[in-house]
Protein backbone atom coordinates (compact mmCIF):
# COMPACT_ATOMS: atom_id res chain seq x y z
CA UNK A 1 15.81 -77.23 -6.62
CA UNK A 2 18.38 -76.02 -9.07
CA UNK A 3 21.04 -76.24 -6.46
CA UNK A 4 20.01 -79.80 -5.64
CA UNK A 5 20.03 -80.76 -9.32
CA UNK A 6 23.55 -79.45 -9.67
CA UNK A 7 24.68 -81.39 -6.72
CA UNK A 8 23.30 -84.64 -8.06
CA UNK A 9 25.10 -84.02 -11.37
CA UNK A 10 28.33 -83.38 -9.42
CA UNK A 11 27.90 -86.62 -7.55
CA UNK A 12 27.39 -88.51 -10.82
CA UNK A 13 30.57 -87.03 -12.18
CA UNK A 14 32.45 -87.92 -9.00
CA UNK A 15 31.17 -91.42 -9.21
CA UNK A 16 32.27 -91.62 -12.79
CA UNK A 17 35.61 -90.25 -12.00
CA UNK A 18 35.96 -92.82 -9.11
CA UNK A 19 35.12 -95.61 -11.42
CA UNK A 20 37.68 -94.39 -13.95
CA UNK A 21 40.42 -94.22 -11.30
CA UNK A 22 39.56 -97.78 -10.12
CA UNK A 23 39.79 -98.94 -13.72
CA UNK A 24 43.28 -97.56 -13.98
CA UNK A 25 44.45 -98.70 -10.59
CA UNK A 26 43.32 -102.27 -10.88
CA UNK A 27 45.14 -103.08 -14.12
CA UNK A 28 48.37 -101.51 -12.76
CA UNK A 29 48.13 -103.59 -9.71
CA UNK A 30 47.56 -106.64 -11.76
CA UNK A 31 50.53 -105.92 -14.00
CA UNK A 32 52.75 -105.49 -10.99
CA UNK A 33 51.58 -108.86 -9.57
CA UNK A 34 52.42 -110.63 -12.80
CA UNK A 35 55.74 -108.92 -12.97
CA UNK A 36 56.45 -110.03 -9.43
CA UNK A 37 55.47 -113.58 -10.27
CA UNK A 38 57.92 -113.57 -13.25
CA UNK A 39 60.67 -112.10 -11.28
CA UNK A 40 60.12 -114.73 -8.51
CA UNK A 41 60.19 -117.52 -11.12
CA UNK A 42 63.19 -116.17 -12.87
CA UNK A 43 65.00 -115.91 -9.53
CA UNK A 44 64.17 -119.44 -8.69
CA UNK A 45 65.46 -120.68 -11.96
CA UNK A 46 68.63 -118.65 -11.63
CA UNK A 47 69.09 -120.15 -8.13
CA UNK A 48 68.59 -123.67 -9.39
CA UNK A 49 71.07 -123.01 -12.23
CA UNK A 50 73.57 -121.61 -9.82
CA UNK A 51 73.14 -124.57 -7.53
CA UNK A 52 73.59 -126.91 -10.44
CA UNK A 53 76.77 -125.07 -11.40
CA UNK A 54 78.07 -125.46 -7.91
CA UNK A 55 77.29 -129.17 -7.91
CA UNK A 56 78.97 -129.46 -11.40
CA UNK A 57 82.03 -127.57 -10.34
CA UNK A 58 82.43 -129.83 -7.28
CA UNK A 59 82.07 -132.82 -9.45
CA UNK A 60 84.63 -131.64 -11.97
CA UNK A 61 87.19 -131.11 -9.27
CA UNK A 62 87.06 -134.76 -8.24
CA UNK A 63 89.18 -137.26 -10.29
CA UNK A 64 89.92 -140.83 -10.75
CA UNK A 65 93.57 -141.24 -11.72
CA UNK A 66 94.62 -144.34 -13.54
CA UNK A 67 97.19 -145.75 -15.99
CA UNK A 68 97.33 -148.03 -18.88
CA UNK A 69 99.75 -150.16 -20.75
CA UNK A 70 99.83 -151.46 -24.22
CA UNK A 71 102.17 -154.12 -25.75
CA UNK A 72 102.73 -155.21 -29.26
CA UNK A 73 104.90 -158.22 -30.23
CA UNK A 74 106.52 -158.05 -33.69
CA UNK A 75 109.29 -159.80 -35.64
CA UNK A 76 112.27 -157.55 -36.47
CA UNK A 77 113.12 -156.67 -39.99
CA UNK A 78 116.46 -155.00 -39.63
CA UNK A 79 119.93 -155.85 -38.21
CA UNK A 80 122.77 -153.78 -37.13
CA UNK A 81 126.36 -154.91 -36.09
CA UNK A 82 129.82 -153.40 -35.66
CA UNK A 83 132.38 -155.30 -37.67
CA UNK A 84 135.98 -154.46 -38.05
CA UNK A 85 139.68 -155.16 -37.76
CA UNK A 86 142.28 -154.55 -35.07
CA UNK A 87 145.97 -154.82 -35.82
CA UNK A 88 149.23 -154.15 -34.04
CA UNK A 89 152.63 -153.20 -35.58
CA UNK A 90 155.97 -151.89 -34.57
CA UNK A 91 155.65 -148.65 -36.49
CA UNK A 92 152.79 -146.24 -37.16
CA UNK A 93 153.00 -146.63 -40.95
CA UNK A 94 152.92 -150.43 -40.73
CA UNK A 95 149.87 -150.36 -38.41
CA UNK A 96 148.00 -147.94 -40.84
CA UNK A 97 148.92 -150.00 -43.87
CA UNK A 98 147.96 -153.32 -42.42
CA UNK A 99 144.64 -151.94 -41.11
CA UNK A 100 143.72 -150.37 -44.48
CA UNK A 101 144.52 -153.58 -46.31
CA UNK A 102 142.51 -155.82 -44.06
CA UNK A 103 139.51 -153.40 -43.89
CA UNK A 104 139.42 -153.33 -47.67
CA UNK A 105 139.10 -157.11 -47.74
CA UNK A 106 136.32 -157.15 -45.15
CA UNK A 107 134.38 -154.34 -46.91
CA UNK A 108 134.60 -155.96 -50.20
CA UNK A 109 133.44 -159.39 -48.84
CA UNK A 110 130.32 -157.82 -47.30
CA UNK A 111 129.46 -155.80 -50.49
CA UNK A 112 129.85 -158.92 -52.67
CA UNK A 113 126.93 -160.44 -50.92
CA UNK A 114 124.66 -158.07 -52.93
CA UNK A 115 122.09 -157.96 -50.27
CA UNK A 116 119.26 -155.32 -50.65
CA UNK A 117 118.93 -152.74 -47.98
CA UNK A 118 122.60 -153.17 -46.92
CA UNK A 119 124.61 -150.06 -45.82
CA UNK A 120 128.06 -149.65 -44.47
CA UNK A 121 129.34 -146.70 -42.52
CA UNK A 122 132.58 -146.16 -40.65
CA UNK A 123 131.95 -146.22 -36.96
CA UNK A 124 135.45 -145.78 -35.34
CA UNK A 125 138.97 -145.29 -36.47
CA UNK A 126 141.48 -145.38 -33.58
CA UNK A 127 145.29 -145.59 -33.37
CA UNK A 128 147.04 -145.76 -30.03
CA UNK A 129 150.68 -146.24 -29.12
CA UNK A 130 151.65 -149.43 -27.26
CA UNK A 131 154.05 -148.72 -24.39
CA UNK A 132 156.43 -151.06 -22.65
CA UNK A 133 155.93 -152.12 -19.10
CA UNK A 134 157.16 -149.52 -16.63
CA UNK A 135 160.48 -150.31 -14.86
CA UNK A 136 161.89 -148.84 -11.76
CA UNK A 137 163.65 -145.56 -12.63
CA UNK A 138 162.73 -145.73 -16.32
CA UNK A 139 159.99 -144.17 -18.26
CA UNK A 140 157.87 -146.47 -20.42
CA UNK A 141 158.78 -146.65 -24.23
CA UNK A 142 156.63 -146.79 -27.21
CA UNK A 143 157.11 -150.33 -28.59
CA UNK A 144 154.48 -150.32 -31.28
CA UNK A 145 151.08 -149.03 -32.43
CA UNK A 146 147.58 -150.59 -32.22
CA UNK A 147 145.06 -149.47 -34.76
CA UNK A 148 141.29 -150.33 -35.05
CA UNK A 149 138.68 -149.60 -37.68
CA UNK A 150 135.03 -150.74 -37.31
CA UNK A 151 132.02 -150.46 -39.68
CA UNK A 152 128.45 -150.02 -38.69
CA UNK A 153 126.75 -152.67 -40.95
CA UNK A 154 122.95 -152.21 -41.22
CA UNK A 155 120.57 -154.52 -43.08
CA UNK A 156 117.19 -152.93 -43.42
CA UNK A 157 113.76 -154.06 -44.61
CA UNK A 158 114.72 -157.67 -45.00
CA UNK A 159 112.03 -160.31 -44.75
CA UNK A 160 111.57 -161.16 -41.15
CA UNK A 161 111.97 -164.84 -41.63
CA UNK A 162 115.08 -164.46 -43.81
CA UNK A 163 116.72 -161.84 -41.51
CA UNK A 164 118.61 -164.31 -39.32
CA UNK A 165 120.11 -166.14 -42.30
CA UNK A 166 121.13 -162.89 -44.00
CA UNK A 167 122.66 -161.58 -40.85
CA UNK A 168 124.75 -164.72 -40.44
CA UNK A 169 125.90 -164.32 -44.08
CA UNK A 170 127.16 -160.83 -43.39
CA UNK A 171 129.01 -161.84 -40.21
CA UNK A 172 130.52 -164.93 -41.77
CA UNK A 173 131.69 -163.02 -44.82
CA UNK A 174 133.35 -160.37 -42.61
CA UNK A 175 135.03 -162.93 -40.31
CA UNK A 176 136.15 -164.92 -43.27
CA UNK A 177 137.80 -161.87 -44.80
CA UNK A 178 139.82 -161.17 -41.68
CA UNK A 179 137.46 -159.28 -39.32
CA UNK A 180 138.38 -159.89 -35.71
CA UNK A 181 136.10 -157.19 -34.18
CA UNK A 182 132.41 -158.29 -33.89
CA UNK A 183 130.25 -156.19 -31.59
CA UNK A 184 126.82 -154.81 -30.94
CA UNK A 185 124.73 -157.12 -32.95
CA UNK A 186 121.11 -156.04 -32.59
CA UNK A 187 117.73 -156.59 -34.26
CA UNK A 188 115.02 -153.88 -34.61
CA UNK A 189 112.06 -152.59 -36.63
CA UNK A 190 113.19 -150.36 -39.61
CA UNK A 191 109.87 -148.48 -39.40
CA UNK A 192 108.44 -148.82 -35.89
CA UNK A 193 105.79 -146.02 -36.17
CA UNK A 194 102.89 -148.32 -36.91
CA UNK A 195 103.65 -150.65 -33.99
CA UNK A 196 104.19 -147.88 -31.64
CA UNK A 197 100.80 -146.33 -32.57
CA UNK A 198 99.11 -149.64 -31.95
CA UNK A 199 100.82 -150.05 -28.63
CA UNK A 200 99.73 -146.47 -27.57
CA UNK A 201 96.12 -147.14 -28.63
CA UNK A 202 96.09 -150.27 -26.44
CA UNK A 203 97.45 -148.30 -23.57
CA UNK A 204 94.60 -145.74 -23.78
CA UNK A 205 92.03 -148.41 -23.99
CA UNK A 206 93.60 -150.13 -20.90
CA UNK A 207 93.54 -146.80 -19.01
CA UNK A 208 89.84 -146.32 -19.65
CA UNK A 209 89.07 -149.91 -18.72
CA UNK A 210 90.85 -149.52 -15.45
CA UNK A 211 89.05 -146.21 -14.70
CA UNK A 212 85.69 -147.95 -15.31
CA UNK A 213 86.56 -150.71 -12.90
CA UNK A 214 87.63 -148.21 -10.26
CA UNK A 215 84.39 -146.32 -10.69
CA UNK A 216 82.23 -149.34 -10.53
CA UNK A 217 84.00 -150.61 -7.51
CA UNK A 218 83.59 -147.23 -5.71
CA UNK A 219 79.92 -146.77 -6.64
CA UNK A 220 80.53 -143.65 -8.73
CA UNK A 221 79.93 -142.75 -12.43
CA UNK A 222 82.51 -141.55 -14.87
CA UNK A 223 81.72 -138.15 -16.48
CA UNK A 224 84.50 -137.78 -18.98
CA UNK A 225 88.23 -137.56 -19.63
CA UNK A 226 90.15 -134.58 -17.97
CA UNK A 227 93.74 -135.23 -19.09
CA UNK A 228 95.76 -137.81 -20.81
CA UNK A 229 99.58 -138.16 -20.81
CA UNK A 230 101.35 -140.80 -22.73
CA UNK A 231 104.77 -141.99 -24.01
CA UNK A 232 105.45 -143.27 -27.35
CA UNK A 233 105.92 -147.04 -27.65
CA UNK A 234 109.35 -148.03 -26.39
CA UNK A 235 111.03 -150.47 -28.79
CA UNK A 236 113.96 -152.36 -27.19
CA UNK A 237 116.23 -153.89 -29.68
CA UNK A 238 117.23 -157.53 -29.39
CA UNK A 239 120.90 -157.92 -28.66
CA UNK A 240 122.96 -160.99 -29.48
CA UNK A 241 126.27 -162.00 -27.89
CA UNK A 242 129.09 -161.21 -30.24
CA UNK A 243 130.60 -164.55 -29.26
CA UNK A 244 128.26 -166.26 -31.76
CA UNK A 245 130.23 -164.69 -34.59
CA UNK A 246 133.68 -165.70 -33.33
CA UNK A 247 133.52 -169.12 -35.01
CA UNK A 248 136.18 -170.58 -37.14
CA UNK A 249 136.08 -170.12 -40.79
CA UNK A 250 134.91 -173.67 -41.32
CA UNK A 251 131.77 -173.14 -39.22
CA UNK A 252 128.72 -171.21 -40.29
CA UNK A 253 127.17 -168.73 -37.85
CA UNK A 254 123.53 -169.35 -36.93
CA UNK A 255 121.42 -166.48 -35.60
CA UNK A 256 117.77 -166.35 -34.42
CA UNK A 257 116.54 -162.81 -34.27
CA UNK A 258 113.60 -163.61 -31.97
CA UNK A 259 110.71 -161.15 -31.33
CA UNK A 260 110.45 -157.48 -30.33
CA UNK A 261 108.16 -156.15 -27.71
CA UNK A 262 106.92 -152.62 -28.10
CA UNK A 263 105.51 -151.05 -24.95
CA UNK A 264 103.56 -147.83 -24.45
CA UNK A 265 102.18 -146.35 -21.16
CA UNK A 266 99.73 -143.58 -20.45
CA UNK A 267 98.41 -141.72 -17.35
CA UNK A 268 94.78 -140.59 -17.40
CA UNK A 269 92.41 -138.52 -15.15
CA UNK A 270 88.70 -138.86 -15.35
CA UNK A 271 85.89 -136.74 -13.76
CA UNK A 272 83.33 -138.66 -11.69
CA UNK A 273 80.13 -138.06 -9.87
CA UNK A 274 78.10 -139.91 -7.30
CA UNK A 275 75.43 -142.30 -8.68
């Protein structure tokens, strides 16, 4: 009997031990299952993210390339002209003396106008020998000297409406004082930065509008700007024929400056994706 009782007690202990083992095994298995589920979910998310990155990279390597142009029309507020004197004399001293005398008269006549924003600067001073016509067996001889002196006359920040009138006064004064060289009459903007910036802005807007038209026509969607290259607004001066200034002293020169066109261009690349 005693033996049987000890056996029963042993069986109970074994049963309790088995239950304890089960209680430790089952939670561990449950924890491993949850960890597997989390790993599986994280892996799926990473896979989705990787796939999304691949799609995004493919989209970001596809571009719509377009260009844009912007134009601004403005009235010039500045004028530049080359005015001067050319003389010819038998000797070098005579040519230099005559040139200096006439240029002093021309310079004085222009300065006496008293125009604001008027500047004078020597542009050229040239003296060349004049040779006789070559004859058979004889070397050409120096028969005189030709001398020329020109001024770069600039009139800045004048009122646009009065610019033509003031430019005509300058030319008439120079010609009336003996100037016989009138070249390079041009009209421009003294400070073109604002007009150039406006033209560049319009060019960017035009490029974006063109990109949207291309995208809509192709059934795709613009994602964003990739690159943008542009050139500052080009300002082409208005040139006038110098012949308008070669009038007689009894006639007054008439000049119409006209209008300037400032042009800017850009090239743009946009990312796009399918709808």
